[in-house]
């Protein structure tokens, strides 16, 4: 008997829960605020999120299904990423409830809006970090057969960054002390970052 459990994803995983997003994780949460072309605020968390470039800084998230967030960005070209920390987990979870387009998740989650500097969508006032972004690409994903998948990858350039000064020590952002929350797999697995997870390795010279 092999020590490995192997399977072809197109045939199903055969396990109680798909392990794919548990293995590729934990991942930062894409808590994305947008505004519709008619001015309605939207806020939603996305578990497929990451950073992809330094200069210029580019971040991206994937939406499984064409949701209000994607439509708003496609219509306006703007969005804001808001950092999820342990104190905001409950509000983040509330913001993922299914709401009609005319309802703002800021209100549903009991969050305050903060005016952005360079884009129209509001940022979450309670978030310790926010990135104001302008969309660079929206890509509908495809399988190896070329068939379109019902998922959309949204990429955006970060044009303004807001950091709570309490997160900085001698000008250095303190990732291990801010309380970042990350998405794992399963139905509702999340992880937090603390000093106990921190270790450092210098790059080889």
N, C-alpha and C. Protein backbone atom coordinates (compact mmCIF):
# COMPACT_ATOMS: atom_id res chain seq x y z
N UNK A 1 0.86 -1.20 0.00
CA UNK A 1 0.00 0.00 0.00
C UNK A 1 0.89 1.25 0.00
N UNK A 2 0.62 2.18 -0.88
CA UNK A 2 1.43 3.39 -1.00
C UNK A 2 1.24 4.29 0.21
N UNK A 3 2.30 4.99 0.59
CA UNK A 3 2.19 5.96 1.69
C UNK A 3 1.45 7.21 1.26
N UNK A 4 1.22 7.38 -0.06
CA UNK A 4 0.56 8.57 -0.57
C UNK A 4 -0.89 8.29 -0.93
N UNK A 5 -1.74 9.24 -0.61
CA UNK A 5 -3.13 9.20 -1.12
C UNK A 5 -3.12 10.02 -2.40
N UNK A 6 -3.33 9.38 -3.52
CA UNK A 6 -3.25 10.06 -4.81
C UNK A 6 -4.59 10.00 -5.51
N UNK A 7 -4.92 11.08 -6.22
CA UNK A 7 -6.19 11.11 -6.96
C UNK A 7 -6.10 12.12 -8.10
N UNK A 8 -6.96 11.96 -9.06
CA UNK A 8 -7.07 12.89 -10.20
C UNK A 8 -8.22 13.84 -9.87
N UNK A 9 -7.95 15.13 -9.70
CA UNK A 9 -8.99 16.07 -9.27
C UNK A 9 -10.27 16.04 -10.12
N UNK A 10 -10.13 15.77 -11.42
CA UNK A 10 -11.32 15.78 -12.28
C UNK A 10 -12.26 14.61 -11.96
N UNK A 11 -11.73 13.61 -11.23
CA UNK A 11 -12.57 12.47 -10.84
C UNK A 11 -13.08 12.59 -9.41
N UNK A 12 -12.77 13.72 -8.75
CA UNK A 12 -13.17 13.90 -7.36
C UNK A 12 -12.06 13.45 -6.42
N UNK A 13 -12.11 13.94 -5.20
CA UNK A 13 -11.04 13.64 -4.24
C UNK A 13 -11.32 12.41 -3.38
N UNK A 14 -12.59 12.04 -3.24
CA UNK A 14 -12.93 10.84 -2.49
C UNK A 14 -12.73 10.96 -0.99
N UNK A 15 -12.58 12.17 -0.50
CA UNK A 15 -12.36 12.41 0.93
C UNK A 15 -13.55 13.18 1.52
N UNK A 16 -13.67 13.23 2.84
CA UNK A 16 -14.79 13.95 3.45
C UNK A 16 -14.83 15.43 3.06
N UNK A 17 -13.66 16.03 2.80
CA UNK A 17 -13.61 17.43 2.39
C UNK A 17 -12.43 17.63 1.46
N UNK A 18 -12.60 18.42 0.42
CA UNK A 18 -11.54 18.66 -0.56
C UNK A 18 -10.30 19.23 0.15
N UNK A 19 -9.13 18.55 0.05
CA UNK A 19 -7.95 19.01 0.77
C UNK A 19 -7.20 20.15 0.07
N UNK A 20 -7.57 20.46 -1.17
CA UNK A 20 -6.79 21.41 -1.97
C UNK A 20 -6.54 22.74 -1.26
N UNK A 21 -7.63 23.38 -0.80
CA UNK A 21 -7.44 24.70 -0.19
C UNK A 21 -6.97 24.63 1.26
N UNK A 22 -6.88 23.41 1.81
CA UNK A 22 -6.23 23.25 3.12
C UNK A 22 -4.73 23.16 2.95
N UNK A 23 -4.31 22.56 1.83
CA UNK A 23 -2.88 22.41 1.56
C UNK A 23 -2.27 23.74 1.13
N UNK A 24 -2.97 24.45 0.25
CA UNK A 24 -2.50 25.77 -0.19
C UNK A 24 -3.01 26.79 0.82
N UNK A 25 -2.42 26.77 1.98
CA UNK A 25 -2.91 27.64 3.03
C UNK A 25 -2.05 27.51 4.28
N UNK A 26 -2.29 28.34 5.28
CA UNK A 26 -3.35 29.36 5.28
C UNK A 26 -3.00 30.55 4.38
N UNK A 27 -4.04 31.22 3.90
CA UNK A 27 -3.88 32.32 2.96
C UNK A 27 -4.41 33.62 3.55
N UNK A 28 -3.80 34.75 3.17
CA UNK A 28 -4.37 36.04 3.59
C UNK A 28 -5.80 36.14 3.07
N UNK A 29 -6.60 36.92 3.73
CA UNK A 29 -8.01 37.08 3.33
C UNK A 29 -8.15 38.35 2.50
N UNK A 30 -8.79 38.20 1.35
CA UNK A 30 -9.05 39.37 0.51
C UNK A 30 -10.37 40.01 0.92
N UNK A 31 -10.31 40.92 1.88
CA UNK A 31 -11.53 41.61 2.34
C UNK A 31 -11.67 42.85 1.48
N UNK A 32 -12.53 42.77 0.48
CA UNK A 32 -12.58 43.74 -0.60
C UNK A 32 -13.81 44.64 -0.49
N UNK A 33 -13.56 45.95 -0.45
CA UNK A 33 -14.67 46.91 -0.49
C UNK A 33 -14.72 47.56 -1.86
N UNK A 34 -15.94 47.68 -2.38
CA UNK A 34 -16.16 48.29 -3.69
C UNK A 34 -17.37 49.20 -3.60
N UNK A 35 -17.64 49.87 -4.69
CA UNK A 35 -18.83 50.73 -4.78
C UNK A 35 -19.41 50.54 -6.18
N UNK A 36 -20.72 50.37 -6.24
CA UNK A 36 -21.36 50.19 -7.53
C UNK A 36 -21.36 51.51 -8.29
N UNK A 37 -21.68 51.45 -9.56
CA UNK A 37 -21.73 52.67 -10.37
C UNK A 37 -22.81 53.62 -9.89
N UNK A 38 -23.79 53.08 -9.13
CA UNK A 38 -24.84 53.94 -8.57
C UNK A 38 -24.53 54.39 -7.15
N UNK A 39 -23.35 54.00 -6.62
CA UNK A 39 -22.92 54.50 -5.32
C UNK A 39 -23.23 53.61 -4.13
N UNK A 40 -23.65 52.35 -4.36
CA UNK A 40 -23.94 51.44 -3.25
C UNK A 40 -22.65 50.76 -2.80
N UNK A 41 -22.38 50.77 -1.50
CA UNK A 41 -21.17 50.16 -0.96
C UNK A 41 -21.31 48.65 -0.85
N UNK A 42 -20.20 47.95 -1.10
CA UNK A 42 -20.17 46.50 -0.99
C UNK A 42 -18.89 46.10 -0.27
N UNK A 43 -18.98 45.07 0.55
CA UNK A 43 -17.82 44.57 1.28
C UNK A 43 -17.93 43.05 1.37
N UNK A 44 -16.89 42.35 0.93
CA UNK A 44 -16.95 40.88 0.93
C UNK A 44 -15.56 40.28 1.09
N UNK A 45 -15.45 39.15 1.82
CA UNK A 45 -14.17 38.47 1.98
C UNK A 45 -13.96 37.39 0.92
N UNK A 46 -12.72 37.27 0.46
CA UNK A 46 -12.36 36.26 -0.53
C UNK A 46 -11.17 35.47 -0.01
N UNK A 47 -11.28 34.13 -0.05
CA UNK A 47 -10.21 33.31 0.53
C UNK A 47 -9.08 33.04 -0.44
N UNK A 48 -9.28 33.29 -1.74
CA UNK A 48 -8.18 33.19 -2.70
C UNK A 48 -7.66 34.59 -2.96
N UNK A 49 -6.61 34.97 -2.23
CA UNK A 49 -6.06 36.33 -2.30
C UNK A 49 -4.56 36.28 -2.06
N UNK A 50 -3.82 37.17 -2.75
CA UNK A 50 -2.40 37.29 -2.46
C UNK A 50 -1.80 38.51 -3.15
N UNK A 51 -0.50 38.73 -2.90
CA UNK A 51 0.26 39.79 -3.56
C UNK A 51 1.09 39.16 -4.66
N UNK A 52 1.29 39.90 -5.77
CA UNK A 52 1.95 39.33 -6.93
C UNK A 52 3.11 40.14 -7.47
N UNK A 53 3.31 41.35 -6.99
CA UNK A 53 4.43 42.14 -7.50
C UNK A 53 4.77 43.24 -6.50
N UNK A 54 6.08 43.60 -6.50
CA UNK A 54 6.57 44.66 -5.62
C UNK A 54 6.38 46.05 -6.24
N UNK A 55 7.01 46.26 -7.41
CA UNK A 55 7.02 47.59 -8.03
C UNK A 55 6.53 47.48 -9.46
N UNK A 56 5.32 47.97 -9.76
CA UNK A 56 4.38 48.53 -8.79
C UNK A 56 3.75 47.41 -7.95
N UNK A 57 3.27 47.75 -6.75
CA UNK A 57 2.62 46.71 -5.94
C UNK A 57 1.30 46.29 -6.57
N UNK A 58 1.17 44.99 -6.81
CA UNK A 58 -0.05 44.44 -7.42
C UNK A 58 -0.58 43.32 -6.53
N UNK A 59 -1.86 43.39 -6.23
CA UNK A 59 -2.51 42.34 -5.46
C UNK A 59 -3.65 41.76 -6.30
N UNK A 60 -4.15 40.60 -5.89
CA UNK A 60 -5.23 40.00 -6.64
C UNK A 60 -6.05 39.02 -5.82
N UNK A 61 -7.27 38.81 -6.25
CA UNK A 61 -8.13 37.83 -5.62
C UNK A 61 -8.96 37.14 -6.69
N UNK A 62 -9.42 35.95 -6.38
CA UNK A 62 -10.26 35.21 -7.30
C UNK A 62 -11.65 35.05 -6.72
N UNK A 63 -12.65 35.38 -7.52
CA UNK A 63 -14.04 35.24 -7.11
C UNK A 63 -14.63 34.00 -7.77
N UNK A 64 -15.09 33.06 -6.93
CA UNK A 64 -15.74 31.87 -7.45
C UNK A 64 -17.18 32.26 -7.75
N UNK A 65 -17.45 32.55 -9.00
CA UNK A 65 -18.74 33.09 -9.40
C UNK A 65 -18.62 34.58 -9.65
N UNK A 66 -19.41 35.06 -10.59
CA UNK A 66 -19.40 36.48 -10.95
C UNK A 66 -20.28 37.24 -9.95
N UNK A 67 -19.65 37.78 -8.91
CA UNK A 67 -20.38 38.40 -7.81
C UNK A 67 -20.39 39.92 -7.92
N UNK A 68 -21.13 40.56 -7.01
CA UNK A 68 -21.25 42.02 -7.03
C UNK A 68 -19.89 42.70 -7.00
N UNK A 69 -18.95 42.12 -6.24
CA UNK A 69 -17.61 42.72 -6.15
C UNK A 69 -16.96 42.82 -7.53
N UNK A 70 -17.01 41.74 -8.29
CA UNK A 70 -16.40 41.74 -9.62
C UNK A 70 -17.11 42.72 -10.54
N UNK A 71 -18.43 42.72 -10.50
CA UNK A 71 -19.19 43.65 -11.35
C UNK A 71 -18.85 45.09 -11.02
N UNK A 72 -18.79 45.40 -9.72
CA UNK A 72 -18.47 46.77 -9.32
C UNK A 72 -17.09 47.20 -9.81
N UNK A 73 -16.12 46.30 -9.69
CA UNK A 73 -14.76 46.63 -10.14
C UNK A 73 -14.72 46.76 -11.65
N UNK A 74 -15.44 45.88 -12.34
CA UNK A 74 -15.49 45.96 -13.79
C UNK A 74 -16.11 47.29 -14.24
N UNK A 75 -17.13 47.75 -13.49
CA UNK A 75 -17.83 49.00 -13.85
C UNK A 75 -17.03 50.24 -13.49
N UNK A 76 -16.32 50.20 -12.35
CA UNK A 76 -15.67 51.41 -11.84
C UNK A 76 -14.15 51.39 -11.91
N UNK A 77 -13.56 50.18 -11.94
CA UNK A 77 -12.11 50.06 -11.99
C UNK A 77 -11.41 50.29 -10.67
N UNK A 78 -12.15 50.26 -9.56
CA UNK A 78 -11.57 50.60 -8.26
C UNK A 78 -12.00 49.62 -7.18
N UNK A 79 -11.12 49.41 -6.19
CA UNK A 79 -11.47 48.63 -5.01
C UNK A 79 -10.48 48.92 -3.90
N UNK A 80 -10.83 48.47 -2.69
CA UNK A 80 -9.95 48.62 -1.53
C UNK A 80 -9.82 47.26 -0.85
N UNK A 81 -8.57 46.89 -0.52
CA UNK A 81 -8.35 45.70 0.30
C UNK A 81 -8.18 46.14 1.75
N UNK A 82 -8.86 45.43 2.66
CA UNK A 82 -8.83 45.74 4.09
C UNK A 82 -8.29 44.54 4.85
N UNK A 83 -7.34 44.78 5.75
CA UNK A 83 -6.72 43.70 6.52
C UNK A 83 -7.69 43.15 7.57
N UNK A 84 -7.81 41.81 7.61
CA UNK A 84 -8.60 41.15 8.65
C UNK A 84 -7.67 40.77 9.79
N UNK A 85 -7.99 41.25 10.99
CA UNK A 85 -7.27 40.88 12.21
C UNK A 85 -8.24 40.22 13.18
N UNK A 86 -7.72 39.64 14.26
CA UNK A 86 -8.55 38.83 15.16
C UNK A 86 -9.75 39.59 15.71
N UNK A 87 -9.58 40.90 15.93
CA UNK A 87 -10.69 41.69 16.47
C UNK A 87 -11.80 41.92 15.44
N UNK A 88 -11.54 41.62 14.17
CA UNK A 88 -12.52 41.87 13.11
C UNK A 88 -13.09 40.59 12.50
N UNK A 89 -12.74 39.44 13.07
CA UNK A 89 -13.19 38.17 12.49
C UNK A 89 -14.71 38.07 12.44
N UNK A 90 -15.37 38.46 13.50
CA UNK A 90 -16.83 38.38 13.52
C UNK A 90 -17.47 39.25 12.45
N UNK A 91 -16.97 40.46 12.31
CA UNK A 91 -17.50 41.38 11.31
C UNK A 91 -17.19 40.87 9.90
N UNK A 92 -15.99 40.35 9.71
CA UNK A 92 -15.63 39.78 8.41
C UNK A 92 -16.58 38.66 8.05
N UNK A 93 -16.87 37.79 9.01
CA UNK A 93 -17.77 36.67 8.76
C UNK A 93 -19.18 37.15 8.42
N UNK A 94 -19.62 38.19 9.10
CA UNK A 94 -20.94 38.75 8.82
C UNK A 94 -21.01 39.34 7.42
N UNK A 95 -19.89 39.89 6.95
CA UNK A 95 -19.90 40.55 5.65
C UNK A 95 -19.99 39.58 4.48
N UNK A 96 -19.90 38.26 4.76
CA UNK A 96 -19.99 37.30 3.66
C UNK A 96 -21.41 36.76 3.49
N UNK A 97 -22.37 37.27 4.25
CA UNK A 97 -23.75 36.82 4.07
C UNK A 97 -24.27 37.29 2.71
N UNK A 98 -25.18 36.51 2.15
CA UNK A 98 -25.74 36.87 0.84
C UNK A 98 -26.71 38.03 1.00
N UNK A 99 -26.36 39.15 0.37
CA UNK A 99 -27.20 40.35 0.43
C UNK A 99 -27.57 40.78 -0.98
N UNK A 100 -28.75 41.36 -1.17
CA UNK A 100 -29.07 41.92 -2.48
C UNK A 100 -28.14 43.09 -2.78
N UNK A 101 -27.93 43.41 -4.06
CA UNK A 101 -26.96 44.45 -4.45
C UNK A 101 -27.19 45.81 -3.81
N UNK A 102 -28.44 46.10 -3.43
CA UNK A 102 -28.74 47.42 -2.87
C UNK A 102 -28.45 47.52 -1.37
N UNK A 103 -28.01 46.42 -0.75
CA UNK A 103 -27.71 46.41 0.68
C UNK A 103 -26.21 46.48 0.90
N UNK A 104 -25.78 47.36 1.81
CA UNK A 104 -24.36 47.51 2.10
C UNK A 104 -23.95 46.57 3.23
N UNK A 105 -22.91 45.78 3.00
CA UNK A 105 -22.40 44.88 4.02
C UNK A 105 -21.71 45.62 5.15
N UNK A 106 -21.32 46.87 4.93
CA UNK A 106 -20.79 47.69 6.03
C UNK A 106 -21.83 47.77 7.13
N UNK A 107 -23.08 48.01 6.76
CA UNK A 107 -24.16 48.12 7.74
C UNK A 107 -24.49 46.77 8.35
N UNK A 108 -24.54 45.73 7.51
CA UNK A 108 -24.85 44.39 8.00
C UNK A 108 -23.85 43.94 9.06
N UNK A 109 -22.56 44.27 8.82
CA UNK A 109 -21.49 43.84 9.72
C UNK A 109 -21.22 44.83 10.84
N UNK A 110 -21.93 45.96 10.86
CA UNK A 110 -21.73 46.95 11.92
C UNK A 110 -20.39 47.65 11.85
N UNK A 111 -19.91 47.89 10.63
CA UNK A 111 -18.61 48.52 10.44
C UNK A 111 -18.74 49.98 10.01
N UNK A 112 -17.71 50.75 10.32
CA UNK A 112 -17.69 52.16 9.93
C UNK A 112 -16.93 52.32 8.62
N UNK A 113 -17.35 53.32 7.84
CA UNK A 113 -16.67 53.60 6.59
C UNK A 113 -15.66 54.73 6.79
N UNK A 114 -14.52 54.59 6.13
CA UNK A 114 -13.51 55.66 6.13
C UNK A 114 -13.30 56.09 4.69
N UNK A 115 -13.29 57.38 4.45
CA UNK A 115 -13.14 57.89 3.09
C UNK A 115 -11.74 57.57 2.57
N UNK A 116 -11.68 57.05 1.38
CA UNK A 116 -10.40 56.77 0.74
C UNK A 116 -9.80 58.06 0.18
N UNK A 117 -8.53 57.99 -0.17
CA UNK A 117 -7.82 59.17 -0.66
C UNK A 117 -7.90 59.33 -2.17
N UNK A 118 -7.70 58.19 -2.89
CA UNK A 118 -7.58 58.27 -4.35
C UNK A 118 -8.64 57.48 -5.12
N UNK A 119 -9.46 56.71 -4.40
CA UNK A 119 -10.52 55.94 -5.05
C UNK A 119 -11.84 56.22 -4.35
N UNK A 120 -12.93 55.87 -5.01
CA UNK A 120 -14.26 56.14 -4.45
C UNK A 120 -14.71 55.14 -3.38
N UNK A 121 -14.41 53.84 -3.52
CA UNK A 121 -14.87 52.90 -2.49
C UNK A 121 -14.29 53.26 -1.12
N UNK A 122 -15.12 53.11 -0.10
CA UNK A 122 -14.67 53.37 1.27
C UNK A 122 -13.81 52.21 1.76
N UNK A 123 -12.91 52.51 2.69
CA UNK A 123 -12.18 51.46 3.37
C UNK A 123 -12.85 51.21 4.72
N UNK A 124 -12.52 50.10 5.35
CA UNK A 124 -13.06 49.77 6.67
C UNK A 124 -12.29 50.57 7.71
N UNK A 125 -12.97 51.45 8.43
CA UNK A 125 -12.32 52.31 9.41
C UNK A 125 -11.60 51.49 10.47
N UNK A 126 -12.19 50.37 10.88
CA UNK A 126 -11.63 49.55 11.96
C UNK A 126 -10.41 48.74 11.52
N UNK A 127 -10.17 48.61 10.22
CA UNK A 127 -9.04 47.81 9.73
C UNK A 127 -7.73 48.54 9.99
N UNK A 128 -6.73 47.79 10.42
CA UNK A 128 -5.42 48.38 10.74
C UNK A 128 -4.62 48.73 9.49
N UNK A 129 -4.95 48.09 8.37
CA UNK A 129 -4.27 48.37 7.11
C UNK A 129 -5.30 48.34 5.99
N UNK A 130 -5.13 49.23 5.02
CA UNK A 130 -5.99 49.23 3.83
C UNK A 130 -5.16 49.63 2.62
N UNK A 131 -5.42 48.97 1.50
CA UNK A 131 -4.78 49.30 0.23
C UNK A 131 -5.85 49.83 -0.73
N UNK A 132 -5.67 51.03 -1.20
CA UNK A 132 -6.53 51.55 -2.26
C UNK A 132 -5.97 51.07 -3.59
N UNK A 133 -6.84 50.53 -4.45
CA UNK A 133 -6.36 49.90 -5.68
C UNK A 133 -7.16 50.34 -6.91
N UNK A 134 -6.47 50.33 -8.03
CA UNK A 134 -7.11 50.48 -9.33
C UNK A 134 -6.89 49.19 -10.12
N UNK A 135 -7.96 48.71 -10.70
CA UNK A 135 -7.92 47.42 -11.39
C UNK A 135 -7.01 47.49 -12.62
N UNK A 136 -6.20 46.47 -12.78
CA UNK A 136 -5.34 46.36 -13.97
C UNK A 136 -5.84 45.28 -14.93
N UNK A 137 -6.40 44.21 -14.36
CA UNK A 137 -6.90 43.12 -15.21
C UNK A 137 -8.01 42.36 -14.51
N UNK A 138 -8.97 41.89 -15.30
CA UNK A 138 -9.96 40.92 -14.83
C UNK A 138 -9.91 39.76 -15.81
N UNK A 139 -9.60 38.59 -15.31
CA UNK A 139 -9.38 37.43 -16.18
C UNK A 139 -10.32 36.31 -15.77
N UNK A 140 -11.14 35.85 -16.71
CA UNK A 140 -11.94 34.66 -16.43
C UNK A 140 -11.03 33.45 -16.62
N UNK A 141 -10.94 32.62 -15.60
CA UNK A 141 -10.02 31.49 -15.63
C UNK A 141 -10.48 30.41 -16.62
N UNK A 142 -9.49 29.64 -17.09
CA UNK A 142 -9.77 28.56 -18.04
C UNK A 142 -9.11 27.26 -17.57
N UNK A 143 -9.66 26.15 -17.97
CA UNK A 143 -9.07 24.85 -17.71
C UNK A 143 -8.04 24.54 -18.80
N UNK A 144 -7.32 23.43 -18.67
CA UNK A 144 -6.33 23.07 -19.68
C UNK A 144 -6.97 22.78 -21.03
N UNK A 145 -8.28 22.49 -21.04
CA UNK A 145 -8.98 22.25 -22.30
C UNK A 145 -9.35 23.56 -23.00
N UNK A 146 -9.16 24.67 -22.29
CA UNK A 146 -9.54 25.96 -22.84
C UNK A 146 -10.95 26.38 -22.45
N UNK A 147 -11.68 25.50 -21.77
CA UNK A 147 -13.04 25.83 -21.35
C UNK A 147 -13.00 26.88 -20.24
N UNK A 148 -13.87 27.86 -20.31
CA UNK A 148 -13.92 28.91 -19.29
C UNK A 148 -14.48 28.37 -17.98
N UNK A 149 -13.83 28.74 -16.89
CA UNK A 149 -14.26 28.36 -15.54
C UNK A 149 -15.04 29.53 -14.96
N UNK A 150 -16.02 29.22 -14.12
CA UNK A 150 -16.85 30.29 -13.54
C UNK A 150 -16.14 30.93 -12.34
N UNK A 151 -14.92 31.38 -12.58
CA UNK A 151 -14.13 32.09 -11.58
C UNK A 151 -13.40 33.23 -12.27
N UNK A 152 -13.31 34.36 -11.56
CA UNK A 152 -12.69 35.55 -12.13
C UNK A 152 -11.55 36.02 -11.25
N UNK A 153 -10.36 36.15 -11.86
CA UNK A 153 -9.19 36.67 -11.18
C UNK A 153 -9.12 38.18 -11.40
N UNK A 154 -9.13 38.92 -10.30
CA UNK A 154 -9.08 40.38 -10.36
C UNK A 154 -7.72 40.85 -9.84
N UNK A 155 -7.00 41.59 -10.64
CA UNK A 155 -5.70 42.13 -10.26
C UNK A 155 -5.79 43.65 -10.20
N UNK A 156 -5.10 44.23 -9.23
CA UNK A 156 -5.12 45.68 -9.10
C UNK A 156 -3.82 46.23 -8.59
N UNK A 157 -3.48 47.43 -9.06
CA UNK A 157 -2.28 48.11 -8.57
C UNK A 157 -2.63 48.91 -7.32
N UNK A 158 -1.82 48.76 -6.29
CA UNK A 158 -2.02 49.50 -5.04
C UNK A 158 -1.48 50.91 -5.24
N UNK A 159 -2.37 51.90 -5.09
CA UNK A 159 -1.95 53.29 -5.34
C UNK A 159 -1.93 54.14 -4.06
N UNK A 160 -2.45 53.61 -2.98
CA UNK A 160 -2.41 54.31 -1.69
C UNK A 160 -2.48 53.28 -0.58
N UNK A 161 -1.64 53.42 0.42
CA UNK A 161 -1.61 52.48 1.54
C UNK A 161 -1.84 53.22 2.85
N UNK A 162 -2.70 52.66 3.71
CA UNK A 162 -2.97 53.22 5.03
C UNK A 162 -2.57 52.19 6.08
N UNK A 163 -1.70 52.56 7.01
CA UNK A 163 -1.25 51.66 8.07
C UNK A 163 -1.44 52.34 9.43
N UNK A 164 -2.13 51.69 10.33
CA UNK A 164 -2.23 52.17 11.71
C UNK A 164 -0.81 52.26 12.28
N UNK A 165 -0.44 53.41 12.78
CA UNK A 165 0.94 53.59 13.25
C UNK A 165 1.30 52.68 14.42
N UNK A 166 0.28 52.14 15.09
CA UNK A 166 0.54 51.19 16.18
C UNK A 166 1.14 49.88 15.64
N UNK A 167 1.02 49.65 14.32
CA UNK A 167 1.56 48.44 13.71
C UNK A 167 3.03 48.58 13.34
N UNK A 168 3.58 49.79 13.52
CA UNK A 168 4.97 50.05 13.15
C UNK A 168 5.84 50.20 14.40
N UNK A 169 7.02 49.62 14.36
CA UNK A 169 8.00 49.77 15.43
C UNK A 169 9.33 50.14 14.79
N UNK A 170 9.80 51.33 15.08
CA UNK A 170 11.02 51.85 14.45
C UNK A 170 10.88 51.81 12.93
N UNK A 171 9.65 52.08 12.47
CA UNK A 171 9.40 52.12 11.04
C UNK A 171 9.22 50.78 10.36
N UNK A 172 9.26 49.68 11.14
CA UNK A 172 9.12 48.34 10.58
C UNK A 172 7.74 47.77 10.92
N UNK A 173 7.05 47.29 9.91
CA UNK A 173 5.73 46.70 10.13
C UNK A 173 5.88 45.39 10.90
N UNK A 174 5.11 45.25 11.98
CA UNK A 174 5.24 44.11 12.89
C UNK A 174 4.16 43.04 12.60
N UNK A 175 4.42 42.25 11.57
CA UNK A 175 3.45 41.24 11.15
C UNK A 175 3.03 40.33 12.30
N UNK A 176 3.99 39.91 13.12
CA UNK A 176 3.71 38.94 14.18
C UNK A 176 2.92 39.52 15.34
N UNK A 177 2.76 40.83 15.39
CA UNK A 177 2.09 41.46 16.52
C UNK A 177 0.76 42.11 16.18
N UNK A 178 0.43 42.16 14.90
CA UNK A 178 -0.77 42.89 14.46
C UNK A 178 -2.04 42.07 14.62
N UNK A 179 -1.89 40.72 14.57
CA UNK A 179 -3.08 39.87 14.72
C UNK A 179 -3.70 39.44 13.42
N UNK A 180 -2.88 39.28 12.38
CA UNK A 180 -3.38 38.82 11.08
C UNK A 180 -4.18 37.53 11.22
N UNK A 181 -5.26 37.44 10.47
CA UNK A 181 -6.05 36.21 10.39
C UNK A 181 -5.98 35.70 8.96
N UNK A 182 -5.80 34.39 8.83
CA UNK A 182 -5.67 33.77 7.51
C UNK A 182 -6.68 32.64 7.35
N UNK A 183 -7.05 32.38 6.12
CA UNK A 183 -8.04 31.34 5.83
C UNK A 183 -7.35 30.02 5.58
N UNK A 184 -7.83 29.00 6.24
CA UNK A 184 -7.36 27.64 5.98
C UNK A 184 -8.34 26.96 5.05
N UNK A 185 -8.49 25.66 5.19
CA UNK A 185 -9.47 24.94 4.38
C UNK A 185 -10.66 24.56 5.23
N UNK A 186 -11.27 23.45 4.86
CA UNK A 186 -12.43 22.99 5.62
C UNK A 186 -13.60 23.94 5.52
N UNK A 187 -14.62 23.65 6.28
CA UNK A 187 -15.81 24.50 6.24
C UNK A 187 -15.58 25.85 6.88
N UNK A 188 -14.69 25.91 7.86
CA UNK A 188 -14.48 27.19 8.53
C UNK A 188 -13.19 27.26 9.31
N UNK A 189 -12.10 26.80 8.72
CA UNK A 189 -10.80 26.82 9.42
C UNK A 189 -10.07 28.13 9.16
N UNK A 190 -9.66 28.78 10.24
CA UNK A 190 -8.88 30.01 10.15
C UNK A 190 -7.65 29.87 11.03
N UNK A 191 -6.64 30.68 10.74
CA UNK A 191 -5.42 30.68 11.51
C UNK A 191 -5.04 32.11 11.85
N UNK A 192 -4.34 32.27 12.96
CA UNK A 192 -3.82 33.59 13.32
C UNK A 192 -2.30 33.50 13.38
N UNK A 193 -1.65 34.66 13.25
CA UNK A 193 -0.20 34.75 13.30
C UNK A 193 0.22 35.43 14.59
N UNK A 194 1.21 34.86 15.27
CA UNK A 194 1.75 35.45 16.49
C UNK A 194 3.25 35.28 16.53
N UNK A 195 3.86 35.78 17.58
CA UNK A 195 5.32 35.70 17.71
C UNK A 195 5.82 34.27 17.71
N UNK A 196 4.99 33.34 18.19
CA UNK A 196 5.43 31.95 18.29
C UNK A 196 5.63 31.32 16.91
N UNK A 197 5.02 31.88 15.86
CA UNK A 197 5.21 31.35 14.52
C UNK A 197 6.40 31.98 13.79
N UNK A 198 6.97 33.01 14.36
CA UNK A 198 8.02 33.76 13.66
C UNK A 198 9.39 33.09 13.77
N UNK A 199 10.03 32.88 12.64
CA UNK A 199 11.45 32.51 12.61
C UNK A 199 12.07 33.19 11.40
N UNK A 200 13.38 33.39 11.46
CA UNK A 200 14.05 34.15 10.40
C UNK A 200 15.18 33.33 9.78
N UNK A 201 15.30 33.44 8.47
CA UNK A 201 16.38 32.81 7.71
C UNK A 201 16.94 33.84 6.75
N UNK A 202 18.21 34.08 6.80
CA UNK A 202 18.84 34.99 5.85
C UNK A 202 19.04 34.30 4.52
N UNK A 203 18.89 35.07 3.45
CA UNK A 203 19.12 34.52 2.12
C UNK A 203 20.60 34.17 1.95
N UNK A 204 20.88 33.11 1.19
CA UNK A 204 22.29 32.79 0.96
C UNK A 204 22.97 33.87 0.12
N UNK A 205 24.24 34.11 0.42
CA UNK A 205 24.98 35.15 -0.30
C UNK A 205 25.74 34.54 -1.48
